[in-house]
Amino acid sequence: EQRKAHFHKTAATPHHTELGVQFIPKIHRRLFHTRQFDPEFDFLTYFEFQAADEPAFRELCRDLRDTRRNPEWNYIDRELEIWMTKLA
């Protein structure tokens, strides 16, 4: 509920969707709510982008993890990051 409160604040208070909107043309995201499958995790998020857009993805991750810009990140207990390369 506390995390949700950050998301529902006024437009003067940024949240993760505002930080990510500029990356929409370069980064494809799929979000899965996983609480029903594994109570340890709330979400599984899948990102896909061209190799040339990796710097943009790293910038997005940096912005999302910055608790001053994204106070919701204070509620992240654990994060797993797995990188894969799509083969032709």
PDB file of N, CA and C in Angstrom:
ATOM      1  N   GLU A   1       0.813  -1.199   0.000  1.00  0.00           N
ATOM      2  CA  GLU A   1       0.000   0.000   0.000  1.00  0.00           C
ATOM      3  C   GLU A   1       0.856   1.263   0.000  1.00  0.00           C
ATOM      4  N   GLN A   2       1.962   1.228   0.735  1.00  0.00           N
ATOM      5  CA  GLN A   2       2.848   2.402   0.751  1.00  0.00           C
ATOM      6  C   GLN A   2       3.459   2.642  -0.623  1.00  0.00           C
ATOM      7  N   ARG A   3       3.858   1.567  -1.305  1.00  0.00           N
ATOM      8  CA  ARG A   3       4.410   1.706  -2.646  1.00  0.00           C
ATOM      9  C   ARG A   3       3.354   2.257  -3.588  1.00  0.00           C
ATOM     10  N   LYS A   4       2.150   1.755  -3.496  1.00  0.00           N
ATOM     11  CA  LYS A   4       1.065   2.228  -4.347  1.00  0.00           C
ATOM     12  C   LYS A   4       0.813   3.716  -4.142  1.00  0.00           C
ATOM     13  N   ALA A   5       0.978   4.188  -2.920  1.00  0.00           N
ATOM     14  CA  ALA A   5       0.745   5.606  -2.627  1.00  0.00           C
ATOM     15  C   ALA A   5       1.674   6.488  -3.462  1.00  0.00           C
ATOM     16  N   HIS A   6       2.909   6.062  -3.680  1.00  0.00           N
ATOM     17  CA  HIS A   6       3.834   6.829  -4.525  1.00  0.00           C
ATOM     18  C   HIS A   6       3.322   6.887  -5.957  1.00  0.00           C
ATOM     19  N   PHE A   7       2.785   5.789  -6.412  1.00  0.00           N
ATOM     20  CA  PHE A   7       2.316   5.704  -7.792  1.00  0.00           C
ATOM     21  C   PHE A   7       1.104   6.608  -8.029  1.00  0.00           C
ATOM     22  N   HIS A   8       0.284   6.787  -7.021  1.00  0.00           N
ATOM     23  CA  HIS A   8      -0.958   7.542  -7.181  1.00  0.00           C
ATOM     24  C   HIS A   8      -0.857   8.998  -6.752  1.00  0.00           C
ATOM     25  N   LYS A   9       0.341   9.479  -6.455  1.00  0.00           N
ATOM     26  CA  LYS A   9       0.502  10.882  -6.089  1.00  0.00           C
ATOM     27  C   LYS A   9       0.288  11.782  -7.294  1.00  0.00           C
ATOM     28  N   THR A  10       0.318  13.058  -7.068  1.00  0.00           N
ATOM     29  CA  THR A  10       0.072  14.027  -8.136  1.00  0.00           C
ATOM     30  C   THR A  10       1.175  13.984  -9.183  1.00  0.00           C
ATOM     31  N   ALA A  11       0.929  14.644 -10.286  1.00  0.00           N
ATOM     32  CA  ALA A  11       1.906  14.687 -11.382  1.00  0.00           C
ATOM     33  C   ALA A  11       3.193  15.373 -10.959  1.00  0.00           C
ATOM     34  N   ALA A  12       3.161  16.158  -9.901  1.00  0.00           N
ATOM     35  CA  ALA A  12       4.375  16.830  -9.421  1.00  0.00           C
ATOM     36  C   ALA A  12       5.361  15.835  -8.825  1.00  0.00           C
ATOM     37  N   THR A  13       4.878  14.667  -8.457  1.00  0.00           N
ATOM     38  CA  THR A  13       5.731  13.634  -7.891  1.00  0.00           C
ATOM     39  C   THR A  13       5.964  12.566  -8.957  1.00  0.00           C
ATOM     40  N   PRO A  14       7.180  12.463  -9.485  1.00  0.00           N
ATOM     41  CA  PRO A  14       7.417  11.476 -10.549  1.00  0.00           C
ATOM     42  C   PRO A  14       7.304  10.045 -10.028  1.00  0.00           C
ATOM     43  N   HIS A  15       6.964   9.150 -10.903  1.00  0.00           N
ATOM     44  CA  HIS A  15       6.993   7.731 -10.573  1.00  0.00           C
ATOM     45  C   HIS A  15       7.549   6.980 -11.771  1.00  0.00           C
ATOM     46  N   HIS A  16       7.669   5.689 -11.630  1.00  0.00           N
ATOM     47  CA  HIS A  16       8.436   4.924 -12.609  1.00  0.00           C
ATOM     48  C   HIS A  16       7.880   5.017 -14.033  1.00  0.00           C
ATOM     49  N   THR A  17       6.586   5.144 -14.205  1.00  0.00           N
ATOM     50  CA  THR A  17       6.072   5.220 -15.576  1.00  0.00           C
ATOM     51  C   THR A  17       6.503   6.509 -16.265  1.00  0.00           C
ATOM     52  N   GLU A  18       6.578   7.598 -15.523  1.00  0.00           N
ATOM     53  CA  GLU A  18       7.035   8.865 -16.111  1.00  0.00           C
ATOM     54  C   GLU A  18       8.510   8.792 -16.490  1.00  0.00           C
ATOM     55  N   LEU A  19       9.286   8.062 -15.696  1.00  0.00           N
ATOM     56  CA  LEU A  19      10.705   7.916 -16.011  1.00  0.00           C
ATOM     57  C   LEU A  19      10.908   7.066 -17.265  1.00  0.00           C
ATOM     58  N   GLY A  20      10.040   6.106 -17.478  1.00  0.00           N
ATOM     59  CA  GLY A  20      10.233   5.175 -18.582  1.00  0.00           C
ATOM     60  C   GLY A  20       9.625   5.572 -19.906  1.00  0.00           C
ATOM     61  N   VAL A  21       8.700   6.524 -19.900  1.00  0.00           N
ATOM     62  CA  VAL A  21       7.967   6.840 -21.125  1.00  0.00           C
ATOM     63  C   VAL A  21       8.877   7.280 -22.278  1.00  0.00           C
ATOM     64  N   GLN A  22       9.958   7.966 -21.982  1.00  0.00           N
ATOM     65  CA  GLN A  22      10.858   8.423 -23.051  1.00  0.00           C
ATOM     66  C   GLN A  22      11.561   7.270 -23.763  1.00  0.00           C
ATOM     67  N   PHE A  23      11.597   6.098 -23.140  1.00  0.00           N
ATOM     68  CA  PHE A  23      12.306   4.951 -23.712  1.00  0.00           C
ATOM     69  C   PHE A  23      11.392   4.039 -24.540  1.00  0.00           C
ATOM     70  N   ILE A  24      10.112   4.342 -24.593  1.00  0.00           N
ATOM     71  CA  ILE A  24       9.157   3.484 -25.296  1.00  0.00           C
ATOM     72  C   ILE A  24       9.559   3.192 -26.740  1.00  0.00           C
ATOM     73  N   PRO A  25      10.058   4.161 -27.509  1.00  0.00           N
ATOM     74  CA  PRO A  25      10.412   3.841 -28.893  1.00  0.00           C
ATOM     75  C   PRO A  25      11.569   2.840 -29.034  1.00  0.00           C
ATOM     76  N   LYS A  26      12.396   2.714 -28.006  1.00  0.00           N
ATOM     77  CA  LYS A  26      13.592   1.866 -28.123  1.00  0.00           C
ATOM     78  C   LYS A  26      13.513   0.567 -27.333  1.00  0.00           C
ATOM     79  N   ILE A  27      12.698   0.530 -26.290  1.00  0.00           N
ATOM     80  CA  ILE A  27      12.707  -0.607 -25.367  1.00  0.00           C
ATOM     81  C   ILE A  27      11.295  -1.181 -25.246  1.00  0.00           C
ATOM     82  N   HIS A  28      11.186  -2.464 -25.552  1.00  0.00           N
ATOM     83  CA  HIS A  28       9.911  -3.177 -25.424  1.00  0.00           C
ATOM     84  C   HIS A  28       9.863  -3.801 -24.034  1.00  0.00           C
ATOM     85  N   ARG A  29       8.734  -3.629 -23.331  1.00  0.00           N
ATOM     86  CA  ARG A  29       8.594  -4.162 -21.975  1.00  0.00           C
ATOM     87  C   ARG A  29       7.331  -4.993 -21.871  1.00  0.00           C
ATOM     88  N   ARG A  30       7.449  -6.121 -21.176  1.00  0.00           N
ATOM     89  CA  ARG A  30       6.293  -6.946 -20.814  1.00  0.00           C
ATOM     90  C   ARG A  30       6.345  -7.134 -19.312  1.00  0.00           C
ATOM     91  N   LEU A  31       5.231  -6.940 -18.651  1.00  0.00           N
ATOM     92  CA  LEU A  31       5.154  -7.066 -17.201  1.00  0.00           C
ATOM     93  C   LEU A  31       4.197  -8.199 -16.858  1.00  0.00           C
ATOM     94  N   PHE A  32       4.661  -9.088 -16.002  1.00  0.00           N
ATOM     95  CA  PHE A  32       3.846 -10.201 -15.542  1.00  0.00           C
ATOM     96  C   PHE A  32       3.709 -10.107 -14.028  1.00  0.00           C
ATOM     97  N   HIS A  33       2.485 -10.175 -13.531  1.00  0.00           N
ATOM     98  CA  HIS A  33       2.262 -10.237 -12.087  1.00  0.00           C
ATOM     99  C   HIS A  33       2.422 -11.695 -11.678  1.00  0.00           C
ATOM    100  N   THR A  34       3.341 -11.970 -10.777  1.00  0.00           N
ATOM    101  CA  THR A  34       3.708 -13.354 -10.481  1.00  0.00           C
ATOM    102  C   THR A  34       3.343 -13.808  -9.080  1.00  0.00           C
ATOM    103  N   ARG A  35       2.712 -12.965  -8.302  1.00  0.00           N
ATOM    104  CA  ARG A  35       2.397 -13.307  -6.913  1.00  0.00           C
ATOM    105  C   ARG A  35       1.659 -14.645  -6.818  1.00  0.00           C
ATOM    106  N   GLN A  36       0.786 -14.946  -7.765  1.00  0.00           N
ATOM    107  CA  GLN A  36       0.028 -16.201  -7.704  1.00  0.00           C
ATOM    108  C   GLN A  36       0.904 -17.421  -7.985  1.00  0.00           C
ATOM    109  N   PHE A  37       2.040 -17.237  -8.654  1.00  0.00           N
ATOM    110  CA  PHE A  37       2.936 -18.352  -8.966  1.00  0.00           C
ATOM    111  C   PHE A  37       4.035 -18.524  -7.922  1.00  0.00           C
ATOM    112  N   ASP A  38       4.538 -17.421  -7.412  1.00  0.00           N
ATOM    113  CA  ASP A  38       5.630 -17.455  -6.440  1.00  0.00           C
ATOM    114  C   ASP A  38       5.469 -16.262  -5.501  1.00  0.00           C
ATOM    115  N   PRO A  39       5.090 -16.505  -4.251  1.00  0.00           N
ATOM    116  CA  PRO A  39       4.831 -15.398  -3.325  1.00  0.00           C
ATOM    117  C   PRO A  39       6.066 -14.547  -2.991  1.00  0.00           C
ATOM    118  N   GLU A  40       7.245 -14.998  -3.367  1.00  0.00           N
ATOM    119  CA  GLU A  40       8.452 -14.199  -3.110  1.00  0.00           C
ATOM    120  C   GLU A  40       8.589 -13.034  -4.081  1.00  0.00           C
ATOM    121  N   PHE A  41       7.931 -13.093  -5.223  1.00  0.00           N
ATOM    122  CA  PHE A  41       8.074 -12.074  -6.250  1.00  0.00           C
ATOM    123  C   PHE A  41       6.712 -11.497  -6.624  1.00  0.00           C
ATOM    124  N   ASP A  42       6.669 -10.180  -6.785  1.00  0.00           N
ATOM    125  CA  ASP A  42       5.438  -9.526  -7.229  1.00  0.00           C
ATOM    126  C   ASP A  42       5.348  -9.471  -8.749  1.00  0.00           C
ATOM    127  N   PHE A  43       6.501  -9.215  -9.389  1.00  0.00           N
ATOM    128  CA  PHE A  43       6.513  -8.990 -10.827  1.00  0.00           C
ATOM    129  C   PHE A  43       7.686  -9.701 -11.485  1.00  0.00           C
ATOM    130  N   LEU A  44       7.481 -10.021 -12.741  1.00  0.00           N
ATOM    131  CA  LEU A  44       8.554 -10.423 -13.637  1.00  0.00           C
ATOM    132  C   LEU A  44       8.445  -9.467 -14.811  1.00  0.00           C
ATOM    133  N   THR A  45       9.503  -8.745 -15.077  1.00  0.00           N
ATOM    134  CA  THR A  45       9.485  -7.782 -16.171  1.00  0.00           C
ATOM    135  C   THR A  45      10.513  -8.200 -17.211  1.00  0.00           C
ATOM    136  N   TYR A  46      10.071  -8.246 -18.443  1.00  0.00           N
ATOM    137  CA  TYR A  46      10.902  -8.664 -19.564  1.00  0.00           C
ATOM    138  C   TYR A  46      11.116  -7.444 -20.452  1.00  0.00           C
ATOM    139  N   PHE A  47      12.361  -7.174 -20.770  1.00  0.00           N
ATOM    140  CA  PHE A  47      12.697  -6.060 -21.659  1.00  0.00           C
ATOM    141  C   PHE A  47      13.393  -6.605 -22.898  1.00  0.00           C
ATOM    142  N   GLU A  48      13.113  -6.010 -24.039  1.00  0.00           N
ATOM    143  CA  GLU A  48      13.777  -6.383 -25.281  1.00  0.00           C
ATOM    144  C   GLU A  48      14.151  -5.105 -26.015  1.00  0.00           C
ATOM    145  N   PHE A  49      15.381  -5.086 -26.550  1.00  0.00           N
ATOM    146  CA  PHE A  49      15.870  -3.904 -27.269  1.00  0.00           C
ATOM    147  C   PHE A  49      16.990  -4.323 -28.198  1.00  0.00           C
ATOM    148  N   GLN A  50      17.263  -3.487 -29.175  1.00  0.00           N
ATOM    149  CA  GLN A  50      18.367  -3.731 -30.100  1.00  0.00           C
ATOM    150  C   GLN A  50      19.690  -3.496 -29.364  1.00  0.00           C
ATOM    151  N   ALA A  51      20.735  -4.172 -29.791  1.00  0.00           N
ATOM    152  CA  ALA A  51      22.049  -4.023 -29.151  1.00  0.00           C
ATOM    153  C   ALA A  51      22.491  -2.560 -29.117  1.00  0.00           C
ATOM    154  N   ALA A  52      22.179  -1.820 -30.155  1.00  0.00           N
ATOM    155  CA  ALA A  52      22.572  -0.405 -30.219  1.00  0.00           C
ATOM    156  C   ALA A  52      21.863   0.435 -29.154  1.00  0.00           C
ATOM    157  N   ASP A  53      20.746  -0.069 -28.608  1.00  0.00           N
ATOM    158  CA  ASP A  53      19.985   0.669 -27.604  1.00  0.00           C
ATOM    159  C   ASP A  53      20.316   0.249 -26.171  1.00  0.00           C
ATOM    160  N   GLU A  54      21.364  -0.556 -26.003  1.00  0.00           N
ATOM    161  CA  GLU A  54      21.761  -0.960 -24.652  1.00  0.00           C
ATOM    162  C   GLU A  54      22.066   0.246 -23.760  1.00  0.00           C
ATOM    163  N   PRO A  55      22.758   1.286 -24.246  1.00  0.00           N
ATOM    164  CA  PRO A  55      22.984   2.453 -23.364  1.00  0.00           C
ATOM    165  C   PRO A  55      21.665   3.075 -22.876  1.00  0.00           C
ATOM    166  N   ALA A  56      20.661   3.110 -23.713  1.00  0.00           N
ATOM    167  CA  ALA A  56      19.364   3.649 -23.290  1.00  0.00           C
ATOM    168  C   ALA A  56      18.749   2.767 -22.208  1.00  0.00           C
ATOM    169  N   PHE A  57      18.873   1.454 -22.362  1.00  0.00           N
ATOM    170  CA  PHE A  57      18.337   0.543 -21.350  1.00  0.00           C
ATOM    171  C   PHE A  57      19.066   0.725 -20.015  1.00  0.00           C
ATOM    172  N   ARG A  58      20.375   0.847 -20.076  1.00  0.00           N
ATOM    173  CA  ARG A  58      21.133   1.056 -18.832  1.00  0.00           C
ATOM    174  C   ARG A  58      20.754   2.384 -18.172  1.00  0.00           C
ATOM    175  N   GLU A  59      20.484   3.397 -18.983  1.00  0.00           N
ATOM    176  CA  GLU A  59      20.033   4.687 -18.450  1.00  0.00           C
ATOM    177  C   GLU A  59      18.665   4.529 -17.779  1.00  0.00           C
ATOM    178  N   LEU A  60      17.775   3.798 -18.411  1.00  0.00           N
ATOM    179  CA  LEU A  60      16.464   3.532 -17.828  1.00  0.00           C
ATOM    180  C   LEU A  60      16.607   2.830 -16.483  1.00  0.00           C
ATOM    181  N   CYS A  61      17.437   1.794 -16.424  1.00  0.00           N
ATOM    182  CA  CYS A  61      17.643   1.068 -15.163  1.00  0.00           C
ATOM    183  C   CYS A  61      18.210   1.989 -14.089  1.00  0.00           C
ATOM    184  N   ARG A  62      19.164   2.813 -14.469  1.00  0.00           N
ATOM    185  CA  ARG A  62      19.753   3.758 -13.512  1.00  0.00           C
ATOM    186  C   ARG A  62      18.688   4.702 -12.964  1.00  0.00           C
ATOM    187  N   ASP A  63      17.856   5.224 -13.838  1.00  0.00           N
ATOM    188  CA  ASP A  63      16.800   6.144 -13.411  1.00  0.00           C
ATOM    189  C   ASP A  63      15.787   5.456 -12.505  1.00  0.00           C
ATOM    190  N   LEU A  64      15.405   4.244 -12.855  1.00  0.00           N
ATOM    191  CA  LEU A  64      14.419   3.525 -12.046  1.00  0.00           C
ATOM    192  C   LEU A  64      14.954   3.164 -10.670  1.00  0.00           C
ATOM    193  N   ARG A  65      16.239   2.903 -10.564  1.00  0.00           N
ATOM    194  CA  ARG A  65      16.848   2.511  -9.285  1.00  0.00           C
ATOM    195  C   ARG A  65      17.225   3.707  -8.408  1.00  0.00           C
ATOM    196  N   ASP A  66      17.104   4.897  -8.944  1.00  0.00           N
ATOM    197  CA  ASP A  66      17.436   6.117  -8.196  1.00  0.00           C
ATOM    198  C   ASP A  66      16.247   6.464  -7.293  1.00  0.00           C
ATOM    199  N   THR A  67      16.398   6.255  -5.992  1.00  0.00           N
ATOM    200  CA  THR A  67      15.275   6.446  -5.072  1.00  0.00           C
ATOM    201  C   THR A  67      14.837   7.903  -4.941  1.00  0.00           C
ATOM    202  N   ARG A  68      15.684   8.842  -5.323  1.00  0.00           N
ATOM    203  CA  ARG A  68      15.247  10.247  -5.320  1.00  0.00           C
ATOM    204  C   ARG A  68      14.299  10.509  -6.477  1.00  0.00           C
ATOM    205  N   ARG A  69      14.585   9.911  -7.603  1.00  0.00           N
ATOM    206  CA  ARG A  69      13.734  10.107  -8.782  1.00  0.00           C
ATOM    207  C   ARG A  69      12.550   9.148  -8.793  1.00  0.00           C
ATOM    208  N   ASN A  70      12.720   7.992  -8.167  1.00  0.00           N
ATOM    209  CA  ASN A  70      11.687   6.954  -8.146  1.00  0.00           C
ATOM    210  C   ASN A  70      11.566   6.393  -6.732  1.00  0.00           C
ATOM    211  N   PRO A  71      10.842   7.070  -5.848  1.00  0.00           N
ATOM    212  CA  PRO A  71      10.731   6.611  -4.462  1.00  0.00           C
ATOM    213  C   PRO A  71      10.167   5.205  -4.324  1.00  0.00           C
ATOM    214  N   GLU A  72       9.458   4.716  -5.346  1.00  0.00           N
ATOM    215  CA  GLU A  72       8.932   3.352  -5.299  1.00  0.00           C
ATOM    216  C   GLU A  72      10.052   2.322  -5.137  1.00  0.00           C
ATOM    217  N   TRP A  73      11.252   2.656  -5.600  1.00  0.00           N
ATOM    218  CA  TRP A  73      12.358   1.690  -5.538  1.00  0.00           C
ATOM    219  C   TRP A  73      12.737   1.369  -4.089  1.00  0.00           C
ATOM    220  N   ASN A  74      12.364   2.210  -3.148  1.00  0.00           N
ATOM    221  CA  ASN A  74      12.617   1.922  -1.732  1.00  0.00           C
ATOM    222  C   ASN A  74      11.919   0.648  -1.277  1.00  0.00           C
ATOM    223  N   TYR A  75      10.920   0.195  -2.024  1.00  0.00           N
ATOM    224  CA  TYR A  75      10.147  -0.974  -1.634  1.00  0.00           C
ATOM    225  C   TYR A  75      10.616  -2.254  -2.335  1.00  0.00           C
ATOM    226  N   ILE A  76      11.708  -2.157  -3.067  1.00  0.00           N
ATOM    227  CA  ILE A  76      12.273  -3.343  -3.718  1.00  0.00           C
ATOM    228  C   ILE A  76      13.154  -4.065  -2.709  1.00  0.00           C
ATOM    229  N   ASP A  77      12.794  -5.303  -2.410  1.00  0.00           N
ATOM    230  CA  ASP A  77      13.574  -6.113  -1.473  1.00  0.00           C
ATOM    231  C   ASP A  77      14.689  -6.871  -2.170  1.00  0.00           C
ATOM    232  N   ARG A  78      14.383  -7.328  -3.373  1.00  0.00           N
ATOM    233  CA  ARG A  78      15.347  -8.158  -4.093  1.00  0.00           C
ATOM    234  C   ARG A  78      15.109  -8.001  -5.578  1.00  0.00           C
ATOM    235  N   GLU A  79      16.195  -8.021  -6.310  1.00  0.00           N
ATOM    236  CA  GLU A  79      16.117  -7.900  -7.762  1.00  0.00           C
ATOM    237  C   GLU A  79      17.043  -8.932  -8.383  1.00  0.00           C
ATOM    238  N   LEU A  80      16.569  -9.574  -9.411  1.00  0.00           N
ATOM    239  CA  LEU A  80      17.392 -10.494 -10.189  1.00  0.00           C
ATOM    240  C   LEU A  80      17.459  -9.945 -11.601  1.00  0.00           C
ATOM    241  N   GLU A  81      18.646  -9.879 -12.139  1.00  0.00           N
ATOM    242  CA  GLU A  81      18.827  -9.363 -13.491  1.00  0.00           C
ATOM    243  C   GLU A  81      19.473 -10.451 -14.332  1.00  0.00           C
ATOM    244  N   ILE A  82      18.805 -10.839 -15.378  1.00  0.00           N
ATOM    245  CA  ILE A  82      19.312 -11.895 -16.265  1.00  0.00           C
ATOM    246  C   ILE A  82      19.368 -11.320 -17.672  1.00  0.00           C
ATOM    247  N   TRP A  83      20.518 -11.370 -18.288  1.00  0.00           N
ATOM    248  CA  TRP A  83      20.695 -10.863 -19.661  1.00  0.00           C
ATOM    249  C   TRP A  83      20.805 -12.045 -20.605  1.00  0.00           C
ATOM    250  N   MET A  84      20.096 -11.951 -21.718  1.00  0.00           N
ATOM    251  CA  MET A  84      20.168 -12.978 -22.759  1.00  0.00           C
ATOM    252  C   MET A  84      20.269 -12.309 -24.116  1.00  0.00           C
ATOM    253  N   THR A  85      20.787 -13.027 -25.056  1.00  0.00           N
ATOM    254  CA  THR A  85      20.887 -12.539 -26.435  1.00  0.00           C
ATOM    255  C   THR A  85      20.000 -13.399 -27.302  1.00  0.00           C
ATOM    256  N   LYS A  86      19.159 -12.741 -28.067  1.00  0.00           N
ATOM    257  CA  LYS A  86      18.261 -13.454 -28.975  1.00  0.00           C
ATOM    258  C   LYS A  86      19.045 -13.882 -30.212  1.00  0.00           C
ATOM    259  N   LEU A  87      18.986 -15.138 -30.513  1.00  0.00           N
ATOM    260  CA  LEU A  87      19.674 -15.652 -31.697  1.00  0.00           C
ATOM    261  C   LEU A  87      18.754 -15.545 -32.898  1.00  0.00           C
ATOM    262  N   ALA A  88      19.342 -15.325 -34.047  1.00  0.00           N
ATOM    263  CA  ALA A  88      18.557 -15.172 -35.283  1.00  0.00           C
ATOM    264  C   ALA A  88      17.775 -16.387 -35.527  1.00  0.00           C
TER     265      ALA A  88
END
